[in-house]
C-alpha atoms as a PDB file:
ATOM      1  CA  MET A   1       0.044   0.056   0.146  1.00  0.00           C
ATOM      2  CA  LYS A   2       2.595   2.503   0.811  1.00  0.00           C
ATOM      3  CA  ARG A   3       4.253   1.413  -2.545  1.00  0.00           C
ATOM      4  CA  ASN A   4       1.072   2.093  -4.488  1.00  0.00           C
ATOM      5  CA  MET A   5       0.909   5.795  -2.789  1.00  0.00           C
ATOM      6  CA  LEU A   6       4.772   6.344  -3.588  1.00  0.00           C
ATOM      7  CA  LYS A   7       4.056   5.400  -7.273  1.00  0.00           C
ATOM      8  CA  LYS A   8       1.267   8.299  -6.983  1.00  0.00           C
ATOM      9  CA  ILE A   9       3.310  10.627  -5.632  1.00  0.00           C
ATOM     10  CA  VAL A  10       6.388  10.423  -8.063  1.00  0.00           C
ATOM     11  CA  VAL A  11       4.065  10.206 -11.551  1.00  0.00           C
ATOM     12  CA  VAL A  12       1.762  13.327  -9.637  1.00  0.00           C
ATOM     13  CA  PHE A  13       5.382  15.507  -9.021  1.00  0.00           C
ATOM     14  CA  SER A  14       6.603  13.983 -12.684  1.00  0.00           C
ATOM     15  CA  ALA A  15       3.439  15.835 -14.240  1.00  0.00           C
ATOM     16  CA  THR A  16       3.327  18.492 -12.614  1.00  0.00           C
ATOM     17  CA  VAL A  17       7.216  18.929 -13.426  1.00  0.00           C
ATOM     18  CA  MET A  18       7.058  18.638 -16.726  1.00  0.00           C
ATOM     19  CA  ALA A  19       3.348  20.276 -17.410  1.00  0.00           C
ATOM     20  CA  GLY A  20       5.578  23.641 -15.766  1.00  0.00           C
ATOM     21  CA  ALA A  21       8.306  23.366 -18.363  1.00  0.00           C
ATOM     22  CA  PHE A  22       5.996  22.936 -20.856  1.00  0.00           C
ATOM     23  CA  ILE A  23       4.785  26.586 -20.050  1.00  0.00           C
ATOM     24  CA  ALA A  24       7.518  27.734 -19.676  1.00  0.00           C
ATOM     25  CA  GLY A  25       9.077  26.470 -23.076  1.00  0.00           C
ATOM     26  CA  CYS A  26       5.767  27.688 -24.490  1.00  0.00           C
ATOM     27  CA  GLY A  27       6.278  31.491 -23.056  1.00  0.00           C
ATOM     28  CA  LYS A  28       9.388  31.798 -24.383  1.00  0.00           C
ATOM     29  CA  LEU A  29       8.249  30.698 -28.000  1.00  0.00           C
ATOM     30  CA  SER A  30       5.756  32.526 -28.005  1.00  0.00           C
ATOM     31  CA  ALA A  31       7.661  35.527 -26.507  1.00  0.00           C
ATOM     32  CA  LYS A  32       8.010  38.574 -29.125  1.00  0.00           C
ATOM     33  CA  PRO A  33      10.928  40.173 -29.666  1.00  0.00           C
ATOM     34  CA  ALA A  34      11.461  43.954 -29.453  1.00  0.00           C
ATOM     35  CA  TYR A  35      13.290  45.704 -31.804  1.00  0.00           C
ATOM     36  CA  ILE A  36      13.365  48.909 -30.641  1.00  0.00           C
ATOM     37  CA  GLU A  37      14.776  49.678 -26.973  1.00  0.00           C
ATOM     38  CA  LYS A  38      14.721  52.802 -25.288  1.00  0.00           C
ATOM     39  CA  GLY A  39      17.226  54.940 -26.975  1.00  0.00           C
ATOM     40  CA  VAL A  40      17.547  57.646 -29.728  1.00  0.00           C
ATOM     41  CA  TYR A  41      17.553  56.632 -32.902  1.00  0.00           C
ATOM     42  CA  TYR A  42      18.749  58.207 -36.963  1.00  0.00           C
ATOM     43  CA  ASN A  43      15.723  57.725 -39.543  1.00  0.00           C
ATOM     44  CA  TYR A  44      17.185  57.957 -42.563  1.00  0.00           C
ATOM     45  CA  ALA A  45      15.921  56.236 -45.843  1.00  0.00           C
ATOM     46  CA  LYS A  46      17.675  53.397 -47.035  1.00  0.00           C
ATOM     47  CA  ASP A  47      18.657  54.080 -50.540  1.00  0.00           C
ATOM     48  CA  ASP A  48      19.639  57.965 -49.325  1.00  0.00           C
ATOM     49  CA  VAL A  49      23.333  58.162 -50.198  1.00  0.00           C
ATOM     50  CA  ASN A  50      25.638  59.567 -47.332  1.00  0.00           C
ATOM     51  CA  PRO A  51      22.002  59.906 -45.356  1.00  0.00           C
ATOM     52  CA  ASP A  52      22.848  63.391 -43.521  1.00  0.00           C
ATOM     53  CA  LYS A  53      20.992  62.271 -40.164  1.00  0.00           C
ATOM     54  CA  THR A  54      19.300  65.261 -39.325  1.00  0.00           C
ATOM     55  CA  TYR A  55      15.659  63.544 -38.639  1.00  0.00           C
ATOM     56  CA  PHE A  56      15.759  61.497 -34.764  1.00  0.00           C
ATOM     57  CA  TYR A  57      13.292  58.947 -33.372  1.00  0.00           C
ATOM     58  CA  VAL A  58      13.482  59.464 -29.386  1.00  0.00           C
ATOM     59  CA  PHE A  59      12.194  56.616 -27.645  1.00  0.00           C
ATOM     60  CA  VAL A  60      11.742  57.750 -24.217  1.00  0.00           C
ATOM     61  CA  GLU A  61       9.761  54.761 -22.781  1.00  0.00           C
ATOM     62  CA  ASP A  62       8.281  51.358 -23.588  1.00  0.00           C
ATOM     63  CA  ASP A  63       5.510  52.455 -24.853  1.00  0.00           C
ATOM     64  CA  HIS A  64       6.041  56.241 -25.828  1.00  0.00           C
ATOM     65  CA  GLY A  65       8.290  58.779 -27.758  1.00  0.00           C
ATOM     66  CA  HIS A  66       8.835  61.663 -29.667  1.00  0.00           C
ATOM     67  CA  SER A  67      10.461  62.844 -33.936  1.00  0.00           C
ATOM     68  CA  GLU A  68      11.958  65.333 -34.479  1.00  0.00           C
ATOM     69  CA  ASP A  69      13.464  67.220 -37.605  1.00  0.00           C
ATOM     70  CA  PRO A  70      15.778  70.037 -35.717  1.00  0.00           C
ATOM     71  CA  THR A  71      16.424  71.489 -39.694  1.00  0.00           C
ATOM     72  CA  ASN A  72      13.312  72.983 -39.034  1.00  0.00           C
ATOM     73  CA  GLY A  73      12.225  72.430 -35.989  1.00  0.00           C
ATOM     74  CA  ALA A  74       9.258  69.674 -36.399  1.00  0.00           C
ATOM     75  CA  GLY A  75       8.345  66.852 -34.680  1.00  0.00           C
ATOM     76  CA  LEU A  76       5.415  64.733 -33.008  1.00  0.00           C
ATOM     77  CA  PRO A  77       4.923  62.423 -29.895  1.00  0.00           C
ATOM     78  CA  PHE A  78       4.009  59.019 -30.665  1.00  0.00           C
ATOM     79  CA  ASP A  79       3.203  56.127 -28.813  1.00  0.00           C
ATOM     80  CA  TYR A  80       4.347  52.313 -30.153  1.00  0.00           C
ATOM     81  CA  VAL A  81       3.523  48.806 -29.396  1.00  0.00           C
ATOM     82  CA  GLN A  82       6.196  46.227 -31.215  1.00  0.00           C
ATOM     83  CA  GLU A  83       4.760  42.931 -32.517  1.00  0.00           C
ATOM     84  CA  ASP A  84       6.442  40.222 -34.264  1.00  0.00           C
ATOM     85  CA  GLY A  85       7.085  41.509 -37.088  1.00  0.00           C
ATOM     86  CA  LYS A  86       6.090  45.062 -36.994  1.00  0.00           C
ATOM     87  CA  ILE A  87       6.261  47.934 -34.886  1.00  0.00           C
ATOM     88  CA  LYS A  88       2.826  49.799 -34.550  1.00  0.00           C
ATOM     89  CA  PHE A  89       3.202  53.965 -33.907  1.00  0.00           C
ATOM     90  CA  ARG A  90       0.241  56.695 -33.681  1.00  0.00           C
ATOM     91  CA  PHE A  91       1.355  60.288 -34.380  1.00  0.00           C
ATOM     92  CA  GLY A  92      -0.064  62.807 -32.454  1.00  0.00           C
ATOM     93  CA  GLY A  93      -2.679  61.670 -30.200  1.00  0.00           C
ATOM     94  CA  VAL A  94      -4.528  59.131 -28.935  1.00  0.00           C
ATOM     95  CA  THR A  95      -7.466  60.202 -31.624  1.00  0.00           C
ATOM     96  CA  GLU A  96      -5.289  59.170 -34.654  1.00  0.00           C
ATOM     97  CA  ASP A  97      -4.741  55.854 -36.618  1.00  0.00           C
ATOM     98  CA  TRP A  98      -1.982  53.899 -36.097  1.00  0.00           C
ATOM     99  CA  ASP A  99       0.687  52.981 -38.715  1.00  0.00           C
ATOM    100  CA  THR A 100       2.733  49.939 -39.049  1.00  0.00           C
ATOM    101  CA  PHE A 101       6.258  49.714 -39.849  1.00  0.00           C
ATOM    102  CA  GLU A 102       6.973  46.073 -41.330  1.00  0.00           C
ATOM    103  CA  VAL A 103      10.541  45.017 -40.204  1.00  0.00           C
ATOM    104  CA  THR A 104      12.255  43.716 -42.693  1.00  0.00           C
ATOM    105  CA  SER A 105      15.830  43.214 -41.238  1.00  0.00           C
ATOM    106  CA  ALA A 106      17.415  43.911 -37.222  1.00  0.00           C
ATOM    107  CA  ASP A 107      20.687  43.324 -37.522  1.00  0.00           C
ATOM    108  CA  HIS A 108      23.304  45.330 -34.616  1.00  0.00           C
ATOM    109  CA  GLY A 109      20.274  47.042 -33.395  1.00  0.00           C
ATOM    110  CA  ILE A 110      19.995  48.840 -36.544  1.00  0.00           C
ATOM    111  CA  ILE A 111      15.960  48.505 -37.514  1.00  0.00           C
ATOM    112  CA  THR A 112      14.947  48.225 -41.499  1.00  0.00           C
ATOM    113  CA  GLY A 113      11.645  48.227 -43.119  1.00  0.00           C
ATOM    114  CA  HIS A 114       8.457  50.247 -44.284  1.00  0.00           C
ATOM    115  CA  PHE A 115       5.299  52.307 -43.520  1.00  0.00           C
ATOM    116  CA  LYS A 116       2.977  51.276 -45.588  1.00  0.00           C
ATOM    117  CA  ASN A 117       4.272  54.301 -48.427  1.00  0.00           C
ATOM    118  CA  GLY A 118       7.255  50.844 -49.337  1.00  0.00           C
ATOM    119  CA  ARG A 119       9.515  53.156 -48.771  1.00  0.00           C
ATOM    120  CA  GLU A 120      12.800  51.198 -46.713  1.00  0.00           C
ATOM    121  CA  MET A 121      13.487  53.510 -43.791  1.00  0.00           C
ATOM    122  CA  VAL A 122      16.173  52.767 -41.608  1.00  0.00           C
ATOM    123  CA  PHE A 123      16.312  53.554 -37.604  1.00  0.00           C
ATOM    124  CA  GLU A 124      20.339  53.763 -36.453  1.00  0.00           C
ATOM    125  CA  PRO A 125      20.081  53.777 -32.436  1.00  0.00           C
ATOM    126  CA  VAL A 126      23.173  57.031 -31.861  1.00  0.00           C
ATOM    127  CA  PRO A 127      25.121  55.685 -29.499  1.00  0.00           C
ATOM    128  CA  GLY A 128      25.484  57.282 -26.399  1.00  0.00           C
ATOM    129  CA  VAL A 129      22.619  59.941 -25.632  1.00  0.00           C
ATOM    130  CA  ASP A 130      19.734  60.213 -23.072  1.00  0.00           C
ATOM    131  CA  PRO A 131      16.515  60.263 -24.444  1.00  0.00           C
ATOM    132  CA  ALA A 132      14.873  61.569 -21.536  1.00  0.00           C
ATOM    133  CA  THR A 133      17.612  64.717 -22.074  1.00  0.00           C
ATOM    134  CA  PHE A 134      18.442  64.335 -25.312  1.00  0.00           C
ATOM    135  CA  ASP A 135      17.574  67.923 -27.950  1.00  0.00           C
ATOM    136  CA  GLY A 136      17.935  67.260 -31.519  1.00  0.00           C
ATOM    137  CA  GLU A 137      19.156  71.019 -32.319  1.00  0.00           C
ATOM    138  CA  VAL A 138      21.804  70.549 -29.529  1.00  0.00           C
ATOM    139  CA  PHE A 139      23.140  67.410 -30.367  1.00  0.00           C
ATOM    140  CA  ILE A 140      23.495  68.064 -34.607  1.00  0.00           C
ATOM    141  CA  ASN A 141      25.545  71.541 -33.264  1.00  0.00           C
ATOM    142  CA  GLN A 142      27.858  69.692 -30.983  1.00  0.00           C
ATOM    143  CA  GLN A 143      28.251  67.107 -33.587  1.00  0.00           C
ATOM    144  CA  GLY A 144      28.761  69.640 -36.157  1.00  0.00           C
ATOM    145  CA  SER A 145      31.656  71.764 -34.015  1.00  0.00           C
ATOM    146  CA  SER A 146      33.085  68.178 -32.489  1.00  0.00           C
ATOM    147  CA  VAL A 147      33.897  67.565 -36.761  1.00  0.00           C
ATOM    148  CA  GLU A 148      34.936  70.587 -37.482  1.00  0.00           C
ATOM    149  CA  ASP A 149      37.202  70.256 -34.577  1.00  0.00           C
ATOM    150  CA  THR A 150      38.703  67.065 -35.351  1.00  0.00           C
ATOM    151  CA  ALA A 151      39.435  68.643 -38.679  1.00  0.00           C
ATOM    152  CA  GLU A 152      42.293  70.981 -37.685  1.00  0.00           C
END
């Protein structure tokens, strides 16, 4: 009788462990990749030769940020959601429609893809900047100064 009870305990314990491992494994398989991480990204057309890199996407949190074009002072706040193979953006506020960016590649933090218009765009991380304090105009002016200073 004790032997039967021991077998039942072992079977129940084994089944519980296997079920837990299966559930944990399934969760990992269904995890959605995060293409964009908190930070600042240059945004430019993939086919641009020597892009000027003066348009920025600033991802302040895991679900929102803003764009900046310091050359003309333009920019929009946005919300975003990352899904498998897509990043959905809602530019301008909660009353606006979502626009989907289809990711075609993500290599070393550089994300390439397109919106509905089909034009291939690139999101390239800007190293060493804090998205919470980023100012595109100041950044471009500092970059210009450092390039001129090192060229002398």
